[in-house]
Amino acid sequence: MNISAKVTDERLLDVHCDGHRLVVDLMDGRTIAVPLAWYPRLRHATPAARAHWEKCGGGYGIHWPEIDEDLSTEGLLRGAPAPKAA
């Protein structure tokens, strides 16, 4: 029996925000788009702060230093919004 492995590369290629969404392009050609409303720190940040992001975690994470926000491609692919404040 021959089993073929699925080849994916979930590392970041590019990140940007439009008016209402966080859009993340992955190395394997997929694009993830999620509502900014899921991530209050990003939603309330200035466009300049949103545009200033860094790759982290070997390319599997996004860090916004000005607002101290971190997201992973794994969480974005699962559709995981930020936890609600207690």
PDB file of N, CA and C in Angstrom:
ATOM      1  N   MET A   1       0.843  -1.163   0.000  1.00  0.00           N
ATOM      2  CA  MET A   1       0.000   0.000   0.000  1.00  0.00           C
ATOM      3  C   MET A   1       0.893   1.232   0.000  1.00  0.00           C
ATOM      4  N   ASN A   2       0.542   2.203  -0.825  1.00  0.00           N
ATOM      5  CA  ASN A   2       1.306   3.446  -0.913  1.00  0.00           C
ATOM      6  C   ASN A   2       0.497   4.564  -0.265  1.00  0.00           C
ATOM      7  N   ILE A   3       1.071   5.205   0.722  1.00  0.00           N
ATOM      8  CA  ILE A   3       0.406   6.313   1.402  1.00  0.00           C
ATOM      9  C   ILE A   3       1.153   7.589   1.040  1.00  0.00           C
ATOM     10  N   SER A   4       0.427   8.548   0.469  1.00  0.00           N
ATOM     11  CA  SER A   4       1.086   9.803   0.116  1.00  0.00           C
ATOM     12  C   SER A   4       0.886  10.803   1.254  1.00  0.00           C
ATOM     13  N   ALA A   5       1.942  11.478   1.595  1.00  0.00           N
ATOM     14  CA  ALA A   5       1.892  12.478   2.667  1.00  0.00           C
ATOM     15  C   ALA A   5       1.435  13.812   2.088  1.00  0.00           C
ATOM     16  N   LYS A   6       0.651  14.486   2.846  1.00  0.00           N
ATOM     17  CA  LYS A   6       0.208  15.820   2.480  1.00  0.00           C
ATOM     18  C   LYS A   6       1.346  16.796   2.755  1.00  0.00           C
ATOM     19  N   VAL A   7       1.731  17.562   1.765  1.00  0.00           N
ATOM     20  CA  VAL A   7       2.835  18.501   1.932  1.00  0.00           C
ATOM     21  C   VAL A   7       2.254  19.900   2.118  1.00  0.00           C
ATOM     22  N   THR A   8       2.474  20.449   3.309  1.00  0.00           N
ATOM     23  CA  THR A   8       2.039  21.810   3.592  1.00  0.00           C
ATOM     24  C   THR A   8       3.177  22.553   4.272  1.00  0.00           C
ATOM     25  N   ASP A   9       3.158  23.846   4.112  1.00  0.00           N
ATOM     26  CA  ASP A   9       4.150  24.685   4.776  1.00  0.00           C
ATOM     27  C   ASP A   9       3.389  25.832   5.415  1.00  0.00           C
ATOM     28  N   GLU A  10       3.149  25.713   6.702  1.00  0.00           N
ATOM     29  CA  GLU A  10       2.320  26.667   7.430  1.00  0.00           C
ATOM     30  C   GLU A  10       3.105  27.869   7.946  1.00  0.00           C
ATOM     31  N   ARG A  11       4.312  28.060   7.435  1.00  0.00           N
ATOM     32  CA  ARG A  11       5.088  29.237   7.833  1.00  0.00           C
ATOM     33  C   ARG A  11       4.545  30.482   7.133  1.00  0.00           C
ATOM     34  N   LEU A  12       4.801  31.632   7.749  1.00  0.00           N
ATOM     35  CA  LEU A  12       4.320  32.917   7.242  1.00  0.00           C
ATOM     36  C   LEU A  12       5.054  33.360   5.987  1.00  0.00           C
ATOM     37  N   LEU A  13       4.308  33.903   5.073  1.00  0.00           N
ATOM     38  CA  LEU A  13       4.876  34.581   3.919  1.00  0.00           C
ATOM     39  C   LEU A  13       4.643  36.083   4.059  1.00  0.00           C
ATOM     40  N   ASP A  14       3.393  36.461   4.393  1.00  0.00           N
ATOM     41  CA  ASP A  14       3.059  37.874   4.520  1.00  0.00           C
ATOM     42  C   ASP A  14       1.871  38.029   5.464  1.00  0.00           C
ATOM     43  N   VAL A  15       1.769  39.197   6.073  1.00  0.00           N
ATOM     44  CA  VAL A  15       0.682  39.520   7.000  1.00  0.00           C
ATOM     45  C   VAL A  15       0.240  40.950   6.722  1.00  0.00           C
ATOM     46  N   HIS A  16      -1.068  41.165   6.649  1.00  0.00           N
ATOM     47  CA  HIS A  16      -1.573  42.531   6.552  1.00  0.00           C
ATOM     48  C   HIS A  16      -3.001  42.581   7.077  1.00  0.00           C
ATOM     49  N   CYS A  17      -3.443  43.781   7.343  1.00  0.00           N
ATOM     50  CA  CYS A  17      -4.817  44.002   7.793  1.00  0.00           C
ATOM     51  C   CYS A  17      -5.502  44.905   6.787  1.00  0.00           C
ATOM     52  N   ASP A  18      -6.738  44.530   6.420  1.00  0.00           N
ATOM     53  CA  ASP A  18      -7.538  45.468   5.645  1.00  0.00           C
ATOM     54  C   ASP A  18      -8.473  46.138   6.651  1.00  0.00           C
ATOM     55  N   GLY A  19      -9.516  46.732   6.245  1.00  0.00           N
ATOM     56  CA  GLY A  19     -10.372  47.465   7.163  1.00  0.00           C
ATOM     57  C   GLY A  19     -10.936  46.662   8.315  1.00  0.00           C
ATOM     58  N   HIS A  20     -11.230  45.381   8.086  1.00  0.00           N
ATOM     59  CA  HIS A  20     -11.912  44.592   9.100  1.00  0.00           C
ATOM     60  C   HIS A  20     -11.330  43.199   9.310  1.00  0.00           C
ATOM     61  N   ARG A  21     -10.240  42.866   8.609  1.00  0.00           N
ATOM     62  CA  ARG A  21      -9.703  41.508   8.691  1.00  0.00           C
ATOM     63  C   ARG A  21      -8.193  41.489   8.861  1.00  0.00           C
ATOM     64  N   LEU A  22      -7.731  40.436   9.505  1.00  0.00           N
ATOM     65  CA  LEU A  22      -6.318  40.078   9.517  1.00  0.00           C
ATOM     66  C   LEU A  22      -6.152  39.053   8.405  1.00  0.00           C
ATOM     67  N   VAL A  23      -5.220  39.290   7.502  1.00  0.00           N
ATOM     68  CA  VAL A  23      -5.003  38.401   6.367  1.00  0.00           C
ATOM     69  C   VAL A  23      -3.568  37.887   6.435  1.00  0.00           C
ATOM     70  N   VAL A  24      -3.425  36.562   6.456  1.00  0.00           N
ATOM     71  CA  VAL A  24      -2.117  35.923   6.586  1.00  0.00           C
ATOM     72  C   VAL A  24      -1.909  34.996   5.395  1.00  0.00           C
ATOM     73  N   ASP A  25      -0.853  35.241   4.631  1.00  0.00           N
ATOM     74  CA  ASP A  25      -0.481  34.374   3.525  1.00  0.00           C
ATOM     75  C   ASP A  25       0.570  33.394   4.013  1.00  0.00           C
ATOM     76  N   LEU A  26       0.385  32.116   3.678  1.00  0.00           N
ATOM     77  CA  LEU A  26       1.313  31.065   4.081  1.00  0.00           C
ATOM     78  C   LEU A  26       2.236  30.688   2.934  1.00  0.00           C
ATOM     79  N   MET A  27       3.349  30.075   3.267  1.00  0.00           N
ATOM     80  CA  MET A  27       4.341  29.676   2.279  1.00  0.00           C
ATOM     81  C   MET A  27       3.780  28.679   1.273  1.00  0.00           C
ATOM     82  N   ASP A  28       2.794  27.877   1.666  1.00  0.00           N
ATOM     83  CA  ASP A  28       2.259  26.857   0.761  1.00  0.00           C
ATOM     84  C   ASP A  28       1.165  27.379  -0.168  1.00  0.00           C
ATOM     85  N   GLY A  29       0.927  28.699  -0.150  1.00  0.00           N
ATOM     86  CA  GLY A  29      -0.039  29.290  -1.063  1.00  0.00           C
ATOM     87  C   GLY A  29      -1.406  29.561  -0.463  1.00  0.00           C
ATOM     88  N   ARG A  30      -1.664  29.066   0.737  1.00  0.00           N
ATOM     89  CA  ARG A  30      -2.954  29.329   1.370  1.00  0.00           C
ATOM     90  C   ARG A  30      -2.979  30.720   1.974  1.00  0.00           C
ATOM     91  N   THR A  31      -4.193  31.265   2.097  1.00  0.00           N
ATOM     92  CA  THR A  31      -4.420  32.547   2.748  1.00  0.00           C
ATOM     93  C   THR A  31      -5.472  32.349   3.827  1.00  0.00           C
ATOM     94  N   ILE A  32      -5.182  32.866   5.012  1.00  0.00           N
ATOM     95  CA  ILE A  32      -6.119  32.824   6.138  1.00  0.00           C
ATOM     96  C   ILE A  32      -6.615  34.250   6.346  1.00  0.00           C
ATOM     97  N   ALA A  33      -7.925  34.432   6.420  1.00  0.00           N
ATOM     98  CA  ALA A  33      -8.492  35.749   6.715  1.00  0.00           C
ATOM     99  C   ALA A  33      -9.463  35.583   7.876  1.00  0.00           C
ATOM    100  N   VAL A  34      -9.251  36.360   8.933  1.00  0.00           N
ATOM    101  CA  VAL A  34     -10.098  36.289  10.123  1.00  0.00           C
ATOM    102  C   VAL A  34     -10.509  37.707  10.531  1.00  0.00           C
ATOM    103  N   PRO A  35     -11.647  37.844  11.194  1.00  0.00           N
ATOM    104  CA  PRO A  35     -12.092  39.176  11.604  1.00  0.00           C
ATOM    105  C   PRO A  35     -11.152  39.798  12.645  1.00  0.00           C
ATOM    106  N   LEU A  36     -10.851  41.074  12.474  1.00  0.00           N
ATOM    107  CA  LEU A  36     -10.070  41.781  13.494  1.00  0.00           C
ATOM    108  C   LEU A  36     -10.796  41.787  14.832  1.00  0.00           C
ATOM    109  N   ALA A  37     -12.111  41.692  14.814  1.00  0.00           N
ATOM    110  CA  ALA A  37     -12.893  41.663  16.052  1.00  0.00           C
ATOM    111  C   ALA A  37     -12.487  40.494  16.946  1.00  0.00           C
ATOM    112  N   TRP A  38     -11.891  39.446  16.375  1.00  0.00           N
ATOM    113  CA  TRP A  38     -11.429  38.311  17.183  1.00  0.00           C
ATOM    114  C   TRP A  38     -10.236  38.664  18.044  1.00  0.00           C
ATOM    115  N   TYR A  39      -9.517  39.716  17.680  1.00  0.00           N
ATOM    116  CA  TYR A  39      -8.273  40.079  18.355  1.00  0.00           C
ATOM    117  C   TYR A  39      -8.335  41.553  18.756  1.00  0.00           C
ATOM    118  N   PRO A  40      -8.889  41.857  19.930  1.00  0.00           N
ATOM    119  CA  PRO A  40      -9.097  43.252  20.348  1.00  0.00           C
ATOM    120  C   PRO A  40      -7.849  44.124  20.312  1.00  0.00           C
ATOM    121  N   ARG A  41      -6.699  43.581  20.682  1.00  0.00           N
ATOM    122  CA  ARG A  41      -5.475  44.402  20.640  1.00  0.00           C
ATOM    123  C   ARG A  41      -5.186  44.877  19.220  1.00  0.00           C
ATOM    124  N   LEU A  42      -5.345  43.989  18.259  1.00  0.00           N
ATOM    125  CA  LEU A  42      -5.128  44.384  16.868  1.00  0.00           C
ATOM    126  C   LEU A  42      -6.204  45.350  16.393  1.00  0.00           C
ATOM    127  N   ARG A  43      -7.438  45.070  16.742  1.00  0.00           N
ATOM    128  CA  ARG A  43      -8.555  45.916  16.308  1.00  0.00           C
ATOM    129  C   ARG A  43      -8.380  47.352  16.795  1.00  0.00           C
ATOM    130  N   HIS A  44      -7.911  47.524  18.022  1.00  0.00           N
ATOM    131  CA  HIS A  44      -7.773  48.856  18.604  1.00  0.00           C
ATOM    132  C   HIS A  44      -6.429  49.517  18.294  1.00  0.00           C
ATOM    133  N   ALA A  45      -5.517  48.793  17.669  1.00  0.00           N
ATOM    134  CA  ALA A  45      -4.199  49.349  17.333  1.00  0.00           C
ATOM    135  C   ALA A  45      -4.304  50.270  16.120  1.00  0.00           C
ATOM    136  N   THR A  46      -3.341  51.140  15.999  1.00  0.00           N
ATOM    137  CA  THR A  46      -3.292  52.011  14.826  1.00  0.00           C
ATOM    138  C   THR A  46      -2.893  51.177  13.602  1.00  0.00           C
ATOM    139  N   PRO A  47      -3.242  51.640  12.410  1.00  0.00           N
ATOM    140  CA  PRO A  47      -2.798  50.934  11.206  1.00  0.00           C
ATOM    141  C   PRO A  47      -1.274  50.777  11.152  1.00  0.00           C
ATOM    142  N   ALA A  48      -0.539  51.777  11.614  1.00  0.00           N
ATOM    143  CA  ALA A  48       0.926  51.686  11.614  1.00  0.00           C
ATOM    144  C   ALA A  48       1.406  50.585  12.558  1.00  0.00           C
ATOM    145  N   ALA A  49       0.794  50.467  13.739  1.00  0.00           N
ATOM    146  CA  ALA A  49       1.179  49.410  14.693  1.00  0.00           C
ATOM    147  C   ALA A  49       0.830  48.033  14.133  1.00  0.00           C
ATOM    148  N   ARG A  50      -0.308  47.915  13.451  1.00  0.00           N
ATOM    149  CA  ARG A  50      -0.688  46.631  12.838  1.00  0.00           C
ATOM    150  C   ARG A  50       0.277  46.241  11.734  1.00  0.00           C
ATOM    151  N   ALA A  51       0.788  47.231  11.019  1.00  0.00           N
ATOM    152  CA  ALA A  51       1.691  46.956   9.902  1.00  0.00           C
ATOM    153  C   ALA A  51       3.092  46.572  10.368  1.00  0.00           C
ATOM    154  N   HIS A  52       3.416  46.845  11.635  1.00  0.00           N
ATOM    155  CA  HIS A  52       4.747  46.540  12.169  1.00  0.00           C
ATOM    156  C   HIS A  52       4.713  45.195  12.888  1.00  0.00           C
ATOM    157  N   TRP A  53       4.921  44.122  12.144  1.00  0.00           N
ATOM    158  CA  TRP A  53       4.901  42.770  12.696  1.00  0.00           C
ATOM    159  C   TRP A  53       6.233  42.094  12.395  1.00  0.00           C
ATOM    160  N   GLU A  54       6.498  41.027  13.153  1.00  0.00           N
ATOM    161  CA  GLU A  54       7.734  40.259  12.985  1.00  0.00           C
ATOM    162  C   GLU A  54       7.395  38.782  12.972  1.00  0.00           C
ATOM    163  N   LYS A  55       8.162  38.013  12.214  1.00  0.00           N
ATOM    164  CA  LYS A  55       8.048  36.556  12.279  1.00  0.00           C
ATOM    165  C   LYS A  55       8.697  36.088  13.568  1.00  0.00           C
ATOM    166  N   CYS A  56       8.112  35.079  14.183  1.00  0.00           N
ATOM    167  CA  CYS A  56       8.720  34.462  15.362  1.00  0.00           C
ATOM    168  C   CYS A  56       8.416  32.972  15.319  1.00  0.00           C
ATOM    169  N   GLY A  57       8.966  32.234  16.255  1.00  0.00           N
ATOM    170  CA  GLY A  57       8.700  30.803  16.327  1.00  0.00           C
ATOM    171  C   GLY A  57       9.052  30.062  15.054  1.00  0.00           C
ATOM    172  N   GLY A  58      10.189  30.406  14.448  1.00  0.00           N
ATOM    173  CA  GLY A  58      10.622  29.706  13.241  1.00  0.00           C
ATOM    174  C   GLY A  58       9.759  29.993  12.027  1.00  0.00           C
ATOM    175  N   GLY A  59       9.001  31.084  12.064  1.00  0.00           N
ATOM    176  CA  GLY A  59       8.136  31.445  10.945  1.00  0.00           C
ATOM    177  C   GLY A  59       6.701  30.993  11.114  1.00  0.00           C
ATOM    178  N   TYR A  60       6.407  30.338  12.245  1.00  0.00           N
ATOM    179  CA  TYR A  60       5.049  29.857  12.522  1.00  0.00           C
ATOM    180  C   TYR A  60       4.273  30.812  13.429  1.00  0.00           C
ATOM    181  N   GLY A  61       4.897  31.917  13.815  1.00  0.00           N
ATOM    182  CA  GLY A  61       4.242  32.874  14.697  1.00  0.00           C
ATOM    183  C   GLY A  61       4.391  34.289  14.199  1.00  0.00           C
ATOM    184  N   ILE A  62       3.473  35.145  14.648  1.00  0.00           N
ATOM    185  CA  ILE A  62       3.483  36.565  14.309  1.00  0.00           C
ATOM    186  C   ILE A  62       3.548  37.334  15.627  1.00  0.00           C
ATOM    187  N   HIS A  63       4.433  38.317  15.687  1.00  0.00           N
ATOM    188  CA  HIS A  63       4.563  39.156  16.879  1.00  0.00           C
ATOM    189  C   HIS A  63       4.438  40.615  16.467  1.00  0.00           C
ATOM    190  N   TRP A  64       3.578  41.356  17.155  1.00  0.00           N
ATOM    191  CA  TRP A  64       3.434  42.799  16.974  1.00  0.00           C
ATOM    192  C   TRP A  64       4.057  43.458  18.204  1.00  0.00           C
ATOM    193  N   PRO A  65       5.287  43.958  18.098  1.00  0.00           N
ATOM    194  CA  PRO A  65       5.990  44.478  19.278  1.00  0.00           C
ATOM    195  C   PRO A  65       5.333  45.706  19.910  1.00  0.00           C
ATOM    196  N   GLU A  66       4.715  46.554  19.119  1.00  0.00           N
ATOM    197  CA  GLU A  66       4.137  47.776  19.670  1.00  0.00           C
ATOM    198  C   GLU A  66       2.887  47.523  20.506  1.00  0.00           C
ATOM    199  N   ILE A  67       2.219  46.404  20.258  1.00  0.00           N
ATOM    200  CA  ILE A  67       0.996  46.115  21.020  1.00  0.00           C
ATOM    201  C   ILE A  67       1.101  44.823  21.817  1.00  0.00           C
ATOM    202  N   ASP A  68       2.287  44.190  21.790  1.00  0.00           N
ATOM    203  CA  ASP A  68       2.549  42.965  22.537  1.00  0.00           C
ATOM    204  C   ASP A  68       1.507  41.885  22.258  1.00  0.00           C
ATOM    205  N   GLU A  69       1.270  41.636  20.976  1.00  0.00           N
ATOM    206  CA  GLU A  69       0.333  40.592  20.546  1.00  0.00           C
ATOM    207  C   GLU A  69       1.106  39.515  19.814  1.00  0.00           C
ATOM    208  N   ASP A  70       0.761  38.261  20.068  1.00  0.00           N
ATOM    209  CA  ASP A  70       1.390  37.122  19.418  1.00  0.00           C
ATOM    210  C   ASP A  70       0.308  36.159  18.954  1.00  0.00           C
ATOM    211  N   LEU A  71       0.413  35.728  17.708  1.00  0.00           N
ATOM    212  CA  LEU A  71      -0.509  34.734  17.149  1.00  0.00           C
ATOM    213  C   LEU A  71       0.303  33.675  16.427  1.00  0.00           C
ATOM    214  N   SER A  72      -0.258  32.484  16.313  1.00  0.00           N
ATOM    215  CA  SER A  72       0.411  31.409  15.588  1.00  0.00           C
ATOM    216  C   SER A  72      -0.429  31.004  14.381  1.00  0.00           C
ATOM    217  N   THR A  73       0.254  30.484  13.374  1.00  0.00           N
ATOM    218  CA  THR A  73      -0.492  29.994  12.217  1.00  0.00           C
ATOM    219  C   THR A  73      -1.364  28.811  12.619  1.00  0.00           C
ATOM    220  N   GLU A  74      -0.909  28.012  13.565  1.00  0.00           N
ATOM    221  CA  GLU A  74      -1.706  26.878  14.043  1.00  0.00           C
ATOM    222  C   GLU A  74      -3.046  27.368  14.605  1.00  0.00           C
ATOM    223  N   GLY A  75      -3.001  28.373  15.465  1.00  0.00           N
ATOM    224  CA  GLY A  75      -4.231  28.913  16.046  1.00  0.00           C
ATOM    225  C   GLY A  75      -5.129  29.545  14.999  1.00  0.00           C
ATOM    226  N   LEU A  76      -4.536  30.265  14.047  1.00  0.00           N
ATOM    227  CA  LEU A  76      -5.327  30.874  12.983  1.00  0.00           C
ATOM    228  C   LEU A  76      -6.003  29.808  12.126  1.00  0.00           C
ATOM    229  N   LEU A  77      -5.286  28.739  11.815  1.00  0.00           N
ATOM    230  CA  LEU A  77      -5.867  27.656  11.023  1.00  0.00           C
ATOM    231  C   LEU A  77      -6.993  26.939  11.771  1.00  0.00           C
ATOM    232  N   ARG A  78      -6.896  26.888  13.091  1.00  0.00           N
ATOM    233  CA  ARG A  78      -7.971  26.291  13.907  1.00  0.00           C
ATOM    234  C   ARG A  78      -9.146  27.226  14.075  1.00  0.00           C
ATOM    235  N   GLY A  79      -8.976  28.506  13.731  1.00  0.00           N
ATOM    236  CA  GLY A  79     -10.050  29.479  13.909  1.00  0.00           C
ATOM    237  C   GLY A  79     -10.218  29.878  15.345  1.00  0.00           C
ATOM    238  N   ALA A  80      -9.098  30.033  16.050  1.00  0.00           N
ATOM    239  CA  ALA A  80      -9.122  30.326  17.475  1.00  0.00           C
ATOM    240  C   ALA A  80      -9.038  31.820  17.730  1.00  0.00           C
ATOM    241  N   PRO A  81     -10.146  32.455  18.155  1.00  0.00           N
ATOM    242  CA  PRO A  81     -10.079  33.871  18.537  1.00  0.00           C
ATOM    243  C   PRO A  81      -9.358  34.040  19.870  1.00  0.00           C
ATOM    244  N   ALA A  82      -9.018  35.276  20.205  1.00  0.00           N
ATOM    245  CA  ALA A  82      -8.384  35.567  21.494  1.00  0.00           C
ATOM    246  C   ALA A  82      -9.339  35.185  22.625  1.00  0.00           C
ATOM    247  N   PRO A  83      -8.805  34.698  23.743  1.00  0.00           N
ATOM    248  CA  PRO A  83      -9.675  34.370  24.876  1.00  0.00           C
ATOM    249  C   PRO A  83     -10.388  35.621  25.380  1.00  0.00           C
ATOM    250  N   LYS A  84     -11.603  35.439  25.866  1.00  0.00           N
ATOM    251  CA  LYS A  84     -12.368  36.556  26.439  1.00  0.00           C
ATOM    252  C   LYS A  84     -11.751  36.966  27.754  1.00  0.00           C
ATOM    253  N   ALA A  85     -11.712  38.272  28.007  1.00  0.00           N
ATOM    254  CA  ALA A  85     -11.199  38.780  29.289  1.00  0.00           C
ATOM    255  C   ALA A  85     -12.141  38.370  30.403  1.00  0.00           C
ATOM    256  N   ALA A  86     -11.573  37.966  31.505  1.00  0.00           N
ATOM    257  CA  ALA A  86     -12.398  37.525  32.653  1.00  0.00           C
ATOM    258  C   ALA A  86     -12.947  38.679  33.416  1.00  0.00           C
TER     259      ALA A  86
END
